[in-house]
Amino acid sequence: MPVYRIYVEKKPEFAVEARSLLADIGSALGIEGLRSIRVINRYDAQGLTPEAFALAAPIVFSEPAVDVVYEHLPEIDDDEHVFAESICRDSLISDRIHARSAYRF
């Protein structure tokens, strides 16, 4: 049975969690120079037809007015880095993280 995956990110004007994390990291950890943080949530769904998943994606896993939905993890620019990642231990599919995307202090 196929596993369907999407990535959901709040539009910048609604990215409250990302702004809060940015402030917390700056104040609690004393990391200066960090300009922004993006929070991208991954959703996996199984047991659906392709049609059912296509209907569910914009209303079950996201809110069209405030979210951007990606079919694939967005590419990162050369000056961007992956700070952290969480993969569910029961995930059937794992994302490949490129060596250049690992955050280094």
Protein backbone atom coordinates (compact mmCIF):
# COMPACT_ATOMS: atom_id res chain seq x y z
CA MET A 1 0.00 0.00 0.00
CA PRO A 2 1.54 3.36 -0.98
CA VAL A 3 2.56 5.98 1.53
CA TYR A 4 1.71 9.53 0.52
CA ARG A 5 3.84 12.37 1.86
CA ILE A 6 3.53 16.12 1.93
CA TYR A 7 5.42 18.92 3.65
CA VAL A 8 3.58 21.89 5.14
CA GLU A 9 5.05 25.25 6.12
CA LYS A 10 3.30 28.34 7.43
CA LYS A 11 3.39 31.34 5.12
CA PRO A 12 5.88 33.90 6.51
CA GLU A 13 3.20 36.19 7.90
CA PHE A 14 1.70 33.25 9.88
CA ALA A 15 4.95 31.57 11.00
CA VAL A 16 4.45 32.22 14.71
CA GLU A 17 6.19 29.00 15.81
CA ALA A 18 9.25 29.77 13.67
CA ARG A 19 9.53 33.31 15.06
CA SER A 20 9.15 31.98 18.61
CA LEU A 21 11.89 29.39 18.06
CA LEU A 22 14.16 32.06 16.61
CA ALA A 23 13.69 34.22 19.71
CA ASP A 24 14.15 31.26 22.08
CA ILE A 25 17.33 30.09 20.40
CA GLY A 26 18.75 33.58 20.46
CA SER A 27 17.97 34.22 24.11
CA ALA A 28 18.32 30.76 25.69
CA LEU A 29 21.32 29.53 23.72
CA GLY A 30 22.95 32.86 22.99
CA ILE A 31 23.28 32.09 19.29
CA GLU A 32 23.63 35.40 17.50
CA GLY A 33 23.51 35.96 13.78
CA LEU A 34 20.68 33.51 13.16
CA ARG A 35 18.39 35.44 10.80
CA SER A 36 15.44 33.11 10.38
CA ILE A 37 14.02 29.67 11.05
CA ARG A 38 11.60 27.70 8.92
CA VAL A 39 9.42 25.00 10.47
CA ILE A 40 8.36 22.44 7.89
CA ASN A 41 6.08 19.63 9.06
CA ARG A 42 6.02 16.31 7.25
CA TYR A 43 2.84 14.28 7.00
CA ASP A 44 2.66 10.67 5.83
CA ALA A 45 -0.67 9.03 4.98
CA GLN A 46 -1.39 5.42 4.16
CA GLY A 47 -4.53 3.54 3.27
CA LEU A 48 -5.93 6.22 0.95
CA THR A 49 -6.54 6.23 -2.75
CA PRO A 50 -4.58 8.84 -4.71
CA GLU A 51 -7.83 10.75 -5.21
CA ALA A 52 -8.68 10.72 -1.49
CA PHE A 53 -5.20 11.93 -0.57
CA ALA A 54 -5.39 14.73 -3.16
CA LEU A 55 -8.69 15.85 -1.60
CA ALA A 56 -7.42 15.53 2.00
CA ALA A 57 -4.04 17.25 1.57
CA PRO A 58 -5.30 20.84 1.34
CA ILE A 59 -7.94 20.57 4.09
CA VAL A 60 -6.82 17.87 6.54
CA PHE A 61 -3.06 18.38 6.62
CA SER A 62 -2.98 22.11 5.95
CA GLU A 63 -4.96 25.31 5.94
CA PRO A 64 -4.80 26.86 2.46
CA ALA A 65 -5.08 30.43 3.74
CA VAL A 66 -2.03 30.16 6.01
CA ASP A 67 0.08 27.24 4.73
CA VAL A 68 2.28 26.37 1.79
CA VAL A 69 2.18 22.69 0.78
CA TYR A 70 5.13 20.98 -0.90
CA GLU A 71 5.21 17.55 -2.52
CA HIS A 72 8.96 17.35 -1.90
CA LEU A 73 11.19 18.80 0.77
CA PRO A 74 12.12 22.27 -0.49
CA GLU A 75 15.66 22.81 -1.72
CA ILE A 76 17.85 24.94 0.45
CA ASP A 77 20.11 27.77 -0.66
CA ASP A 78 23.87 27.63 -0.16
CA ASP A 79 23.61 30.00 2.81
CA GLU A 80 20.85 27.96 4.50
CA HIS A 81 21.35 24.98 6.79
CA VAL A 82 19.19 22.30 8.34
CA PHE A 83 19.19 22.97 12.07
CA ALA A 84 17.25 19.94 13.24
CA GLU A 85 15.16 17.11 11.93
CA SER A 86 12.79 14.66 13.55
CA ILE A 87 11.80 11.42 11.89
CA CYS A 88 9.15 9.21 13.42
CA ARG A 89 10.75 5.88 14.26
CA ASP A 90 7.87 4.08 12.56
CA SER A 91 8.28 5.99 9.32
CA LEU A 92 8.42 3.78 6.26
CA ILE A 93 10.36 6.30 4.24
CA SER A 94 13.25 8.45 5.43
CA ASP A 95 14.42 11.65 3.81
CA ARG A 96 17.96 11.92 2.61
CA ILE A 97 19.81 14.80 4.22
CA HIS A 98 22.68 16.12 2.16
CA ALA A 99 26.01 16.61 3.92
CA ARG A 100 26.07 20.29 2.95
CA SER A 101 22.79 20.87 4.79
CA ALA A 102 24.03 19.84 8.23
CA TYR A 103 24.14 22.79 10.59
CA ARG A 104 27.58 23.48 12.03
CA PHE A 105 28.36 25.77 14.97
